Amino acid sequence: MSSMKASIRPLFYWLRCALRCILGLAFVVAPHSVLQAVNVPSPYHVGFVQFPAALLIVFAAMFLAVARRPRENRNLIPYGILLKVSYCSVVFAYWFLRRLSFIWKPFAIIDVVFGVLFWLAYRELSSVA
């Protein structure tokens, strides 16, 4: 088994699933507290924070499915890549316009790295299918 194949499970499980689940739960359960802690104003309706947070939990479940059975669930990986592209597109656009709080920037940089890793994992799994 190549080193990339051996690293696919931890890539999707420990790193992405756990982190997305923790972030999602924090923003679903206590959005005002999380936003206040990072000095970001709450939107006029908290649902605008809770819905994307709930989607993070859905993606965490998807990453768990990939981690458990990478080869069989490789078809889910492009959706993870699209999540990264979506988030990064919004963050980098507002970053460029200088209309973005610092808290979102590290996540965008991390997501660029994970987007590339997901793409490499997808390629690796596709080559052994």
Protein backbone atom coordinates (compact mmCIF):
# COMPACT_ATOMS: atom_id res chain seq x y z
CA MET A 1 0.00 0.00 0.00
CA SER A 2 1.43 3.37 -1.00
CA SER A 3 1.95 6.10 1.57
CA MET A 4 -0.86 8.13 -0.03
CA LYS A 5 -3.29 5.22 0.29
CA ALA A 6 -2.27 4.73 3.91
CA SER A 7 -2.88 8.40 4.66
CA ILE A 8 -6.35 8.64 3.10
CA ARG A 9 -8.20 7.38 6.16
CA PRO A 10 -6.61 9.79 8.64
CA LEU A 11 -6.91 12.63 6.12
CA PHE A 12 -10.67 12.24 5.88
CA TYR A 13 -11.40 10.99 9.36
CA TRP A 14 -9.27 12.56 12.03
CA LEU A 15 -8.47 15.80 10.29
CA ARG A 16 -11.59 16.72 8.37
CA CYS A 17 -14.39 14.80 10.00
CA ALA A 18 -13.45 15.67 13.56
CA LEU A 19 -12.64 19.31 12.84
CA ARG A 20 -15.81 19.89 10.78
CA CYS A 21 -17.96 18.24 13.39
CA ILE A 22 -16.49 20.29 16.23
CA LEU A 23 -16.78 23.56 14.31
CA GLY A 24 -20.27 22.75 13.09
CA LEU A 25 -21.53 21.82 16.55
CA ALA A 26 -20.02 24.95 18.10
CA PHE A 27 -21.71 27.21 15.57
CA VAL A 28 -25.04 25.33 15.74
CA VAL A 29 -25.23 25.23 19.54
CA ALA A 30 -23.64 28.55 20.53
CA PRO A 31 -23.24 30.77 17.46
CA HIS A 32 -23.36 34.06 19.35
CA SER A 33 -20.71 32.92 21.82
CA VAL A 34 -18.36 31.68 19.10
CA LEU A 35 -18.72 34.84 17.04
CA GLN A 36 -18.31 37.05 20.10
CA ALA A 37 -15.17 35.13 21.11
CA VAL A 38 -13.54 35.98 17.76
CA ASN A 39 -14.92 39.53 17.71
CA VAL A 40 -17.24 39.01 14.74
CA PRO A 41 -20.70 40.60 14.88
CA SER A 42 -23.66 38.23 14.75
CA PRO A 43 -25.94 38.52 11.72
CA TYR A 44 -29.45 39.83 12.22
CA HIS A 45 -30.71 36.25 12.23
CA VAL A 46 -28.64 33.45 13.78
CA GLY A 47 -29.97 30.95 11.23
CA PHE A 48 -27.55 32.44 8.71
CA VAL A 49 -24.78 30.96 10.85
CA GLN A 50 -26.50 27.79 12.01
CA PHE A 51 -27.46 26.46 8.58
CA PRO A 52 -23.91 26.49 7.16
CA ALA A 53 -22.74 25.02 10.47
CA ALA A 54 -25.24 22.19 10.09
CA LEU A 55 -23.88 21.60 6.58
CA LEU A 56 -20.41 21.22 8.10
CA ILE A 57 -21.79 18.37 10.19
CA VAL A 58 -23.29 16.76 7.06
CA PHE A 59 -19.92 17.00 5.34
CA ALA A 60 -18.27 15.53 8.43
CA ALA A 61 -20.53 12.50 8.06
CA MET A 62 -19.54 12.27 4.40
CA PHE A 63 -15.83 12.46 5.27
CA LEU A 64 -16.40 9.69 7.82
CA ALA A 65 -17.93 7.52 5.07
CA VAL A 66 -14.86 8.14 2.91
CA ALA A 67 -12.54 7.38 5.82
CA ARG A 68 -14.27 4.10 6.57
CA ARG A 69 -14.36 2.86 2.96
CA PRO A 70 -12.14 5.10 0.82
CA ARG A 71 -12.25 3.08 -2.38
CA GLU A 72 -15.98 2.42 -2.28
CA ASN A 73 -16.83 6.05 -1.40
CA ARG A 74 -14.32 7.85 -3.59
CA ASN A 75 -17.27 9.26 -5.56
CA LEU A 76 -17.96 11.51 -2.54
CA ILE A 77 -14.52 13.13 -2.63
CA PRO A 78 -15.36 15.62 -5.42
CA TYR A 79 -18.12 17.00 -3.17
CA GLY A 80 -15.53 17.63 -0.48
CA ILE A 81 -13.35 19.37 -3.07
CA LEU A 82 -16.32 21.50 -4.14
CA LEU A 83 -16.92 22.44 -0.50
CA LYS A 84 -13.32 23.67 -0.30
CA VAL A 85 -13.62 25.59 -3.58
CA SER A 86 -16.89 27.18 -2.46
CA TYR A 87 -15.59 28.32 0.90
CA CYS A 88 -12.24 29.52 -0.45
CA SER A 89 -13.87 31.41 -3.31
CA VAL A 90 -15.99 33.45 -0.92
CA VAL A 91 -13.24 34.02 1.64
CA PHE A 92 -10.54 34.97 -0.84
CA ALA A 93 -12.90 37.34 -2.67
CA TYR A 94 -13.75 39.20 0.54
CA TRP A 95 -10.14 39.02 1.69
CA PHE A 96 -9.08 40.68 -1.56
CA LEU A 97 -11.75 43.37 -1.02
CA ARG A 98 -10.46 43.84 2.56
CA ARG A 99 -13.89 43.11 3.99
CA LEU A 100 -13.11 40.01 6.01
CA SER A 101 -12.40 39.29 9.67
CA PHE A 102 -9.16 37.48 10.39
CA ILE A 103 -10.88 34.39 11.84
CA TRP A 104 -11.94 33.11 8.40
CA LYS A 105 -8.52 33.45 6.75
CA PRO A 106 -6.67 30.51 8.38
CA PHE A 107 -9.56 28.19 7.54
CA ALA A 108 -9.37 29.24 3.87
CA ILE A 109 -5.64 28.58 3.73
CA ILE A 110 -6.12 25.21 5.41
CA ASP A 111 -8.94 24.40 2.99
CA VAL A 112 -6.71 25.11 -0.01
CA VAL A 113 -4.25 22.56 1.35
CA PHE A 114 -6.98 20.02 2.05
CA GLY A 115 -8.57 20.63 -1.35
CA VAL A 116 -5.28 19.65 -2.98
CA LEU A 117 -4.92 16.63 -0.67
CA PHE A 118 -8.49 15.55 -1.48
CA TRP A 119 -7.74 15.84 -5.19
CA LEU A 120 -4.59 13.74 -4.76
CA ALA A 121 -6.52 11.16 -2.75
CA TYR A 122 -9.22 11.02 -5.41
CA ARG A 123 -6.62 10.49 -8.14
CA GLU A 124 -4.88 7.81 -6.09
CA LEU A 125 -8.13 5.96 -5.42
CA SER A 126 -9.24 6.28 -9.05
CA SER A 127 -6.00 4.72 -10.25
CA VAL A 128 -6.59 1.56 -8.20
CA ALA A 129 -10.30 1.20 -9.01
